[in-house]
Each structure stands twice: as C-alpha cells, then as structure tokens.
C-alpha cells in the first residue's frame, strides 16, 4: 500500500476513534492490496436510518464480477462502524446516473446489501471474505441494470460486441473501470493534523422514484404488488435470520461450555491418572517391604528382653516374682471379703505368701546392694 495512504489511514482511524485500530488497519490494508485499482478509502459522514450522523471510514469504488463470460464493475460502498469487527460493515450498491438498482435476494430497492455472511458476522469475519461472497452472488444475480432511456452508444462507448449489463465498461479486463481516485488525504498537509473532510451521504429509499409518473396504471399496480411482496419477503427473511442468529448464538455458547467442561474433565483425568500411578507405586513398595519382613527369622522375646548380666537377670526375675506375690495377696483379700475363701485358708496362704515375699524383698535388696557396690 502507498505510504501516504497508509499514513492517512492511521490518522483517520485514530481521529474517528475506532476501538480496534490494529485489526481495522490490517483488514483495510488487505482489501486495498487486493483491490488497489477498484476501491479507495474515504472518511465521510454516514447518516443512519434513525437520522443520526456519524463520521466513518468507507471504501468506495467498484468490485469486478463475471457475468455471462464478461467482466463488469459493480459500484459499491463499504461503511465500517467504529466497533468493527464486532459489528458487521454496512454495504450499499451505488448505481451511477446510467444505472438503476435491481432488487433481489441480496440487495433491496435502496441498494443496501444483505448476505448470510453479514447476518452471521463474527470477530473472525473480514472484509476480503465479504467482498468475495458479494462477487460470487453478484455474478449470479447482478444488482444493477441500465436505464431504458439511455442509448446503447451512451451506455457502452468502448464495448462493440460484448453483452451489456447496466452501462458497464468493456468486459475486457484491461478496460475495467477503476474507482475514481477520490482520496481524502493530502500528502503535503501538516503531519500533525488529523482533520478529515466530512461529507453528508444518504442513500435514496427508491431508485424508481423519478420514473413513477411514466408507469402505466397496470405497471404501477404491478410495481406496488412487487414492492409489497418484496417487503413481506424481506420481513420474513429478517425474522428467520434473527431466529437463526439466536439459535447460532445458543449453539456457540453451548459449544463453548462443552469445550470448557471437556477441558476440565481432561485436567481431572490427568490428576486422577497421576494419583493412580503414585498409589500403585506406593503399594508396590509396601508389598516389597512386607515380603522382606516375612523373610526375617523370628526372635525369642524372652531372650531379647533381659538384663545385661546374670545378676541383672536375677534382679529382673526377683522383682517380677515379688510383684506377682503382691497381686496374689490383693486378690486373696478380695476373695475373703466376698466370702469366696474361708478365713483359715486365707490366713494359711497369706502366711506362706508373706514369708516368700519377705525372702524375695530381702534378696532384691541384697542384689541391689551388690550392683551398687560394683558400679
């Protein structure tokens, strides 16, 4: 793209206040690179249907189509909202003085263009694809035709034997009419200046208004019926398009939620697989340790729990026996109080146990004294 046009485009985007200037610049630059001889950028005032005027960037000129093996240029204007690409462009067919708009499935009587690509516009959509779709449908159903009161010589001064379509130039690609070189920037202007020219632009509500008085009553009646039928068709189509857009939004939301759930499940599955691997590894380690323990020989507990010498072992046994005698005397007394043992038997066993306990305590004292003497 020409550096002067690129600089002007950057200033225009900043001055108008486009929200997504980088994306806007990239899309416009792609269009100007592919259609440099057909479309040029302009900054003009666009008047909405509600009467509100707004300064917008537009691409004015023509787009080439092929109709009946001949190439023609369709005059168009692309208006880019300040929220582009969130909001779709506004596209109009702009017939010359020698043409009239041909209303159809994709163009209404005012020249405004409709297409499913516009109806389902998203942030991923772009101008190059939109122009490609319009070229495709216009090649099947041209949106303009020549006025009947204009002679063939006036309509096609350069075309001799090729078919005519609405006063277009020669079908040869070398004579395609480029868009008029109207570019609202000045290469010699002050670089710091970003002022853009403002030009009011409104599209007519009907291209046949000037010829209404020339119609016969039958033609006027037919024209009215066609207008009503077209209005009903556009209304029904708009309603259906809106329903489809709503359904598409719901499906997109459901798809987004499904993707989020799928990602969550995948993340959970990864964590579960990691936990399973960790648990399996730990179980294997425990099983290995258990098998090792089972191969160990059984140790005699009585031999493990013992003193460090024979004297210490003797002391250990004496203390255990003395405590056992003490417990026996306790339970004999309990049995006597419950009349389970006679007094004579109790006294006999008590004397024997007390004598034995006395001997044990005396021996314990002697062993302790010996150990204390040794230490």
Protein backbone atom coordinates (compact mmCIF):
# COMPACT_ATOMS: atom_id res chain seq x y z
CA UNK A 1 0.00 0.00 0.00
CA UNK A 2 1.17 3.53 -0.77
CA UNK A 3 2.97 5.02 2.28
CA UNK A 4 0.94 8.25 2.05
CA UNK A 5 -2.33 6.30 2.06
CA UNK A 6 -1.06 4.17 4.96
CA UNK A 7 -0.17 7.29 6.97
CA UNK A 8 -3.52 8.92 6.20
CA UNK A 9 -5.34 5.71 7.15
CA UNK A 10 -3.60 5.57 10.53
CA UNK A 11 -4.55 9.20 11.25
CA UNK A 12 -8.13 8.61 10.13
CA UNK A 13 -8.59 5.57 12.35
CA UNK A 14 -7.25 7.47 15.36
CA UNK A 15 -9.29 10.62 14.67
CA UNK A 16 -12.59 8.80 14.12
CA UNK A 17 -11.98 6.74 17.25
CA UNK A 18 -12.10 3.13 16.09
CA UNK A 19 -11.93 0.70 19.00
CA UNK A 20 -9.84 -1.96 17.26
CA UNK A 21 -7.47 0.12 15.14
CA UNK A 22 -4.87 -2.61 14.56
CA UNK A 23 -7.44 -5.10 13.29
CA UNK A 24 -9.19 -2.36 11.29
CA UNK A 25 -5.95 -1.28 9.63
CA UNK A 26 -5.00 -4.86 8.78
CA UNK A 27 -8.36 -5.63 7.13
CA UNK A 28 -8.49 -2.37 5.15
CA UNK A 29 -4.86 -2.79 4.08
CA UNK A 30 -5.65 -6.31 2.83
CA UNK A 31 -8.59 -5.00 0.78
CA UNK A 32 -6.58 -2.13 -0.72
CA UNK A 33 -3.78 -4.50 -1.60
CA UNK A 34 -6.11 -6.93 -3.42
CA UNK A 35 -8.41 -4.29 -4.94
CA UNK A 36 -6.00 -1.36 -5.31
CA UNK A 37 -7.42 -0.39 -8.71
CA UNK A 38 -11.04 -0.70 -7.59
CA UNK A 39 -11.53 0.60 -4.03
CA UNK A 40 -10.20 3.67 -2.22
CA UNK A 41 -10.63 4.79 1.41
CA UNK A 42 -12.61 7.89 2.32
CA UNK A 43 -13.77 9.48 5.57
CA UNK A 44 -17.34 10.74 5.24
CA UNK A 45 -20.42 11.33 7.33
CA UNK A 46 -22.84 8.43 7.26
CA UNK A 47 -26.48 9.02 8.21
CA UNK A 48 -28.16 6.07 9.89
CA UNK A 49 -31.80 5.10 9.40
CA UNK A 50 -32.71 6.84 12.67
CA UNK A 51 -31.26 10.13 11.41
CA UNK A 52 -28.09 10.01 13.49
CA UNK A 53 -24.99 11.15 11.59
CA UNK A 54 -21.54 9.74 12.25
CA UNK A 55 -18.11 10.15 10.70
CA UNK A 56 -16.99 6.75 9.42
CA UNK A 57 -14.30 5.29 7.24
CA UNK A 58 -15.59 3.91 3.95
CA UNK A 59 -14.25 2.03 0.96
CA UNK A 60 -15.70 3.50 -2.22
CA UNK A 61 -15.35 2.20 -5.76
CA UNK A 62 -16.22 -0.97 -7.63
CA UNK A 63 -15.78 -4.71 -7.35
CA UNK A 64 -15.32 -6.80 -10.51
CA UNK A 65 -17.69 -9.65 -11.37
CA UNK A 66 -18.02 -12.08 -14.26
CA UNK A 67 -21.48 -12.30 -15.82
CA UNK A 68 -22.15 -14.30 -18.97
CA UNK A 69 -18.41 -14.65 -19.63
CA UNK A 70 -17.89 -10.88 -19.47
CA UNK A 71 -16.25 -8.86 -16.70
CA UNK A 72 -18.11 -5.88 -15.21
CA UNK A 73 -17.58 -3.48 -12.32
CA UNK A 74 -20.27 -3.15 -9.66
CA UNK A 75 -20.22 0.25 -7.89
CA UNK A 76 -20.29 -0.28 -4.12
CA UNK A 77 -19.63 1.47 -0.83
CA UNK A 78 -18.49 -0.26 2.38
CA UNK A 79 -19.14 1.68 5.58
CA UNK A 80 -17.14 0.47 8.58
CA UNK A 81 -18.67 1.06 12.07
CA UNK A 82 -16.41 2.27 14.87
CA UNK A 83 -16.87 -1.08 16.66
CA UNK A 84 -15.64 -3.10 13.66
CA UNK A 85 -15.04 -6.10 13.62
CA UNK A 86 -17.56 -6.67 16.43
CA UNK A 87 -20.26 -5.13 14.21
CA UNK A 88 -20.60 -6.01 10.53
CA UNK A 89 -19.91 -3.43 7.80
CA UNK A 90 -22.78 -1.63 6.07
CA UNK A 91 -22.71 -2.31 2.33
CA UNK A 92 -24.54 -0.41 -0.40
CA UNK A 93 -24.66 -0.74 -4.16
CA UNK A 94 -24.21 2.81 -5.51
CA UNK A 95 -25.51 2.96 -9.09
CA UNK A 96 -24.26 5.64 -11.46
CA UNK A 97 -26.55 8.04 -13.31
CA UNK A 98 -26.94 5.47 -16.10
CA UNK A 99 -27.95 2.61 -13.80
CA UNK A 100 -30.82 1.50 -11.59
CA UNK A 101 -30.76 -0.87 -8.64
CA UNK A 102 -32.17 -4.31 -9.32
CA UNK A 103 -33.73 -5.50 -6.06
CA UNK A 104 -33.23 -9.19 -5.33
CA UNK A 105 -32.33 -11.69 -2.65
CA UNK A 106 -29.17 -9.84 -1.70
CA UNK A 107 -29.98 -6.18 -2.47
CA UNK A 108 -33.09 -4.15 -1.58
CA UNK A 109 -34.54 -1.30 -3.61
CA UNK A 110 -32.39 1.28 -1.77
CA UNK A 111 -29.21 -0.57 -2.72
CA UNK A 112 -28.44 -1.95 0.74
CA UNK A 113 -26.83 -5.39 0.58
CA UNK A 114 -27.84 -8.43 2.59
CA UNK A 115 -25.99 -11.72 2.84
CA UNK A 116 -25.80 -14.60 5.34
CA UNK A 117 -22.13 -13.72 5.84
CA UNK A 118 -23.27 -10.32 7.15
CA UNK A 119 -26.09 -11.85 9.20
CA UNK A 120 -23.69 -14.27 10.90
CA UNK A 121 -20.83 -11.81 11.15
CA UNK A 122 -18.34 -12.53 13.94
CA UNK A 123 -14.95 -11.26 15.09
CA UNK A 124 -13.33 -13.85 12.83
CA UNK A 125 -15.03 -12.43 9.72
CA UNK A 126 -13.20 -9.95 7.48
CA UNK A 127 -13.71 -7.63 4.51
CA UNK A 128 -11.81 -9.72 1.97
CA UNK A 129 -14.08 -12.73 2.52
CA UNK A 130 -17.17 -10.47 2.45
CA UNK A 131 -16.16 -8.99 -0.92
CA UNK A 132 -15.54 -12.49 -2.25
CA UNK A 133 -19.04 -13.60 -1.26
CA UNK A 134 -20.59 -10.48 -2.81
CA UNK A 135 -18.67 -11.04 -6.04
CA UNK A 136 -20.00 -14.60 -6.14
CA UNK A 137 -23.67 -13.68 -5.65
CA UNK A 138 -23.47 -10.60 -7.89
CA UNK A 139 -22.04 -12.78 -10.66
CA UNK A 140 -25.18 -14.89 -10.45
CA UNK A 141 -27.62 -12.03 -9.87
CA UNK A 142 -26.29 -8.58 -10.91
CA UNK A 143 -27.63 -5.87 -8.57
CA UNK A 144 -27.92 -3.09 -11.21
CA UNK A 145 -29.13 -2.68 -14.77
CA UNK A 146 -29.07 0.06 -17.42
CA UNK A 147 -31.78 2.70 -17.71
CA UNK A 148 -34.02 2.05 -20.69
CA UNK A 149 -33.94 5.65 -21.95
CA UNK A 150 -30.18 5.66 -22.45
CA UNK A 151 -28.85 4.65 -25.83
CA UNK A 152 -26.51 1.74 -26.25
CA UNK A 153 -23.82 4.10 -27.55
CA UNK A 154 -24.01 6.17 -24.37
CA UNK A 155 -24.05 3.10 -22.16
CA UNK A 156 -21.05 1.38 -23.74
CA UNK A 157 -18.76 3.76 -25.62
CA UNK A 158 -15.94 1.18 -25.59
CA UNK A 159 -17.82 -2.10 -25.97
CA UNK A 160 -18.56 -3.29 -29.52
CA UNK A 161 -19.63 -6.94 -29.48
CA UNK A 162 -19.80 -7.98 -25.83
CA UNK A 163 -23.08 -8.22 -23.88
CA UNK A 164 -24.21 -5.19 -21.91
CA UNK A 165 -25.05 -5.03 -18.23
CA UNK A 166 -26.23 -1.75 -16.82
CA UNK A 167 -23.91 0.51 -18.76
CA UNK A 168 -20.71 -1.13 -17.51
CA UNK A 169 -17.41 -0.64 -19.27
CA UNK A 170 -15.78 -3.07 -21.64
CA UNK A 171 -15.77 -6.67 -20.41
CA UNK A 172 -12.10 -6.98 -21.17
CA UNK A 173 -10.02 -6.93 -18.02
CA UNK A 174 -7.74 -4.24 -19.43
CA UNK A 175 -10.63 -1.74 -19.65
CA UNK A 176 -12.17 -2.34 -16.23
CA UNK A 177 -13.25 0.99 -14.80
CA UNK A 178 -11.28 1.69 -11.62
CA UNK A 179 -12.88 3.55 -8.78
CA UNK A 180 -12.50 7.32 -9.07
CA UNK A 181 -9.30 8.47 -7.40
CA UNK A 182 -11.06 10.27 -4.59
CA UNK A 183 -8.86 10.09 -1.53
CA UNK A 184 -9.49 12.49 1.29
CA UNK A 185 -5.91 12.91 2.41
CA UNK A 186 -3.27 15.48 1.46
CA UNK A 187 0.37 14.37 1.13
CA UNK A 188 1.56 17.93 1.76
CA UNK A 189 -0.63 18.53 4.78
CA UNK A 190 0.76 19.14 8.23
CA UNK A 191 1.77 15.73 9.61
CA UNK A 192 0.32 16.60 12.99
CA UNK A 193 -3.07 17.42 11.51
CA UNK A 194 -5.70 14.67 11.59
CA UNK A 195 -8.66 16.67 10.38
CA UNK A 196 -10.78 14.69 7.96
CA UNK A 197 -13.29 16.10 5.49
CA UNK A 198 -16.92 15.48 6.23
CA UNK A 199 -19.42 14.87 3.50
CA UNK A 200 -23.10 14.03 4.03
CA UNK A 201 -24.09 10.73 2.43
CA UNK A 202 -27.63 9.38 2.26
CA UNK A 203 -28.91 6.62 0.03
CA UNK A 204 -32.30 7.01 -1.69
CA UNK A 205 -35.20 4.91 -0.46
CA UNK A 206 -36.15 4.03 -4.00
CA UNK A 207 -34.31 4.22 -7.29
CA UNK A 208 -37.55 4.24 -9.27
CA UNK A 209 -38.99 7.43 -7.75
CA UNK A 210 -38.13 9.58 -10.78
CA UNK A 211 -39.85 7.16 -13.17
CA UNK A 212 -43.06 6.65 -11.16
CA UNK A 213 -45.04 9.06 -13.34
CA UNK A 214 -44.00 7.23 -16.53
CA UNK A 215 -45.61 3.93 -15.42
CA UNK A 216 -49.00 2.87 -16.76
CA UNK A 217 -51.73 2.06 -14.19
CA UNK A 218 -51.17 -1.65 -14.75
CA UNK A 219 -47.43 -1.25 -14.30
CA UNK A 220 -47.92 0.89 -11.20
CA UNK A 221 -50.27 -1.72 -9.72
CA UNK A 222 -47.81 -4.50 -10.52
CA UNK A 223 -44.98 -2.42 -9.12
CA UNK A 224 -46.94 -1.89 -5.87
CA UNK A 225 -47.64 -5.61 -5.58
CA UNK A 226 -44.00 -6.40 -6.19
CA UNK A 227 -42.96 -3.86 -3.58
CA UNK A 228 -45.36 -5.36 -1.03
CA UNK A 229 -44.21 -8.89 -1.86
CA UNK A 230 -40.58 -7.84 -1.55
CA UNK A 231 -41.30 -6.13 1.77
CA UNK A 232 -43.02 -9.26 3.10
CA UNK A 233 -40.15 -11.41 1.86
CA UNK A 234 -37.56 -9.14 3.47
CA UNK A 235 -39.53 -9.05 6.74
CA UNK A 236 -39.90 -12.84 6.82
CA UNK A 237 -36.26 -13.30 5.87
CA UNK A 238 -35.13 -10.86 8.56
CA UNK A 239 -37.24 -12.65 11.16
CA UNK A 240 -35.88 -16.02 10.08
CA UNK A 241 -32.34 -14.65 10.01
CA UNK A 242 -32.80 -13.29 13.54
CA UNK A 243 -34.05 -16.67 14.74
CA UNK A 244 -31.13 -18.39 13.07
CA UNK A 245 -28.72 -15.90 14.63
CA UNK A 246 -30.25 -16.57 18.06
CA UNK A 247 -30.02 -20.33 17.57
CA UNK A 248 -26.47 -19.97 16.30
CA UNK A 249 -25.53 -17.92 19.38
CA UNK A 250 -27.07 -20.53 21.66
CA UNK A 251 -25.20 -23.30 19.85
CA UNK A 252 -21.94 -21.34 20.07
CA UNK A 253 -22.49 -20.77 23.79
CA UNK A 254 -23.27 -24.46 24.29
CA UNK A 255 -20.18 -25.38 22.31
CA UNK A 256 -18.07 -23.05 24.44
CA UNK A 257 -19.46 -24.53 27.66
CA UNK A 258 -18.92 -28.05 26.32
CA UNK A 259 -15.30 -27.23 25.48
CA UNK A 260 -14.77 -25.83 28.98
CA UNK A 261 -16.29 -28.94 30.55
CA UNK A 262 -14.16 -31.14 28.31
CA UNK A 263 -11.01 -29.27 29.31
CA UNK A 264 -12.00 -29.58 32.97
CA UNK A 265 -12.60 -33.32 32.59
CA UNK A 266 -9.28 -33.76 30.79
CA UNK A 267 -7.49 -31.91 33.58
CA UNK A 268 -9.26 -34.03 36.19
CA UNK A 269 -8.38 -37.21 34.27
CA UNK A 270 -4.70 -36.20 34.23
CA UNK A 271 -4.75 -35.65 38.00
CA UNK A 272 -6.53 -38.98 38.59
CA UNK A 273 -4.03 -40.84 36.42
CA UNK A 274 -1.19 -39.22 38.35
CA UNK A 275 -2.75 -40.21 41.70
CA UNK A 276 -3.33 -43.78 40.45
CA UNK A 277 0.31 -44.06 39.37
CA UNK A 278 1.51 -42.71 42.73
CA UNK A 279 -0.76 -45.07 44.69
CA UNK A 280 0.29 -48.07 42.57
CA UNK A 281 3.96 -47.25 43.11
CA UNK A 282 3.44 -46.91 46.89
CA UNK A 283 1.54 -50.22 47.08
CA UNK A 284 4.36 -51.96 45.21
CA UNK A 285 6.90 -50.53 47.66
CA UNK A 286 4.83 -51.69 50.66
CA UNK A 287 4.39 -55.18 49.21
CA UNK A 288 8.15 -55.41 48.67
CA UNK A 289 8.80 -54.32 52.26
CA UNK A 290 6.25 -56.84 53.60
CA UNK A 291 7.92 -59.66 51.67
CA UNK A 292 11.28 -58.63 53.12
CA UNK A 293 9.88 -58.62 56.67
CA UNK A 294 8.35 -62.07 56.20
CA UNK A 295 11.79 -63.48 55.39
CA UNK A 296 13.23 -62.25 58.71
CA UNK A 297 13.77 -65.01 61.41
CA UNK A 298 11.53 -64.97 64.49
CA UNK A 299 13.32 -63.56 67.53
CA UNK A 300 12.72 -65.07 71.04
CA UNK A 301 11.13 -62.29 73.04
CA UNK A 302 12.27 -63.68 76.40
CA UNK A 303 15.85 -63.62 75.27
CA UNK A 304 15.63 -60.14 73.80
CA UNK A 305 14.10 -58.55 76.94
CA UNK A 306 16.77 -59.35 79.55
CA UNK A 307 19.46 -57.74 81.62
CA UNK A 308 22.99 -57.02 80.64
CA UNK A 309 24.40 -59.64 83.08
CA UNK A 310 23.38 -62.69 85.14
CA UNK A 311 22.91 -60.57 88.26
CA UNK A 312 20.65 -58.15 86.36
CA UNK A 313 18.61 -61.09 85.06
CA UNK A 314 18.27 -62.40 88.65
CA UNK A 315 17.09 -58.98 89.84
CA UNK A 316 14.60 -58.81 86.98
CA UNK A 317 13.11 -62.21 87.93
CA UNK A 318 13.00 -61.39 91.68
CA UNK A 319 11.14 -58.12 91.09
CA UNK A 320 8.65 -59.87 88.80
CA UNK A 321 8.03 -62.62 91.40
CA UNK A 322 7.64 -60.08 94.24
CA UNK A 323 5.07 -58.12 92.23
CA UNK A 324 3.21 -61.34 91.42
CA UNK A 325 3.05 -62.23 95.17
CA UNK A 326 1.73 -58.73 95.92
CA UNK A 327 -1.05 -59.18 93.36
CA UNK A 328 -1.90 -62.61 94.72
CA UNK A 329 -2.27 -61.26 98.29
CA UNK A 330 -4.52 -58.49 96.93
CA UNK A 331 -6.87 -60.86 95.16
CA UNK A 332 -6.96 -63.26 98.18
CA UNK A 333 -8.14 -60.37 100.32
CA UNK A 334 -10.79 -59.55 97.75
CA UNK A 335 -11.97 -63.18 97.69
CA UNK A 336 -12.19 -63.19 101.52
CA UNK A 337 -14.35 -60.07 101.54
CA UNK A 338 -16.70 -61.73 99.08
CA UNK A 339 -16.87 -64.93 101.19
CA UNK A 340 -15.28 -66.95 98.43
CA UNK A 341 -12.41 -68.11 100.67
CA UNK A 342 -12.61 -69.28 104.31
CA UNK A 343 -10.68 -67.38 106.92
CA UNK A 344 -8.48 -70.32 107.90
CA UNK A 345 -7.46 -70.99 104.30
CA UNK A 346 -6.87 -67.29 103.74
CA UNK A 347 -4.62 -66.98 106.79
CA UNK A 348 -2.65 -70.08 105.82
CA UNK A 349 -1.97 -68.86 102.25
CA UNK A 350 -1.30 -65.34 103.48
CA UNK A 351 1.42 -66.55 105.89
CA UNK A 352 3.11 -68.57 103.15
CA UNK A 353 2.95 -65.75 100.61
CA UNK A 354 4.15 -63.16 103.11
CA UNK A 355 7.10 -65.36 104.10
CA UNK A 356 8.01 -65.85 100.43
CA UNK A 357 7.56 -62.14 99.68
CA UNK A 358 9.84 -61.24 102.57
CA UNK A 359 12.53 -63.53 101.24
CA UNK A 360 12.19 -62.05 97.75
CA UNK A 361 12.46 -58.49 99.04
CA UNK A 362 15.50 -59.37 101.14
CA UNK A 363 17.16 -60.97 98.14
CA UNK A 364 16.28 -57.99 95.94
CA UNK A 365 17.87 -55.65 98.48
CA UNK A 366 20.99 -57.79 98.60
CA UNK A 367 21.28 -57.88 94.78
CA UNK A 368 20.80 -54.12 94.56
CA UNK A 369 23.46 -53.61 97.16
CA UNK A 370 25.83 -55.85 95.21
CA UNK A 371 25.13 -54.00 91.99
CA UNK A 372 25.65 -50.69 93.73
CA UNK A 373 28.96 -51.89 95.12
CA UNK A 374 30.07 -52.98 91.64
CA UNK A 375 29.08 -49.67 89.98
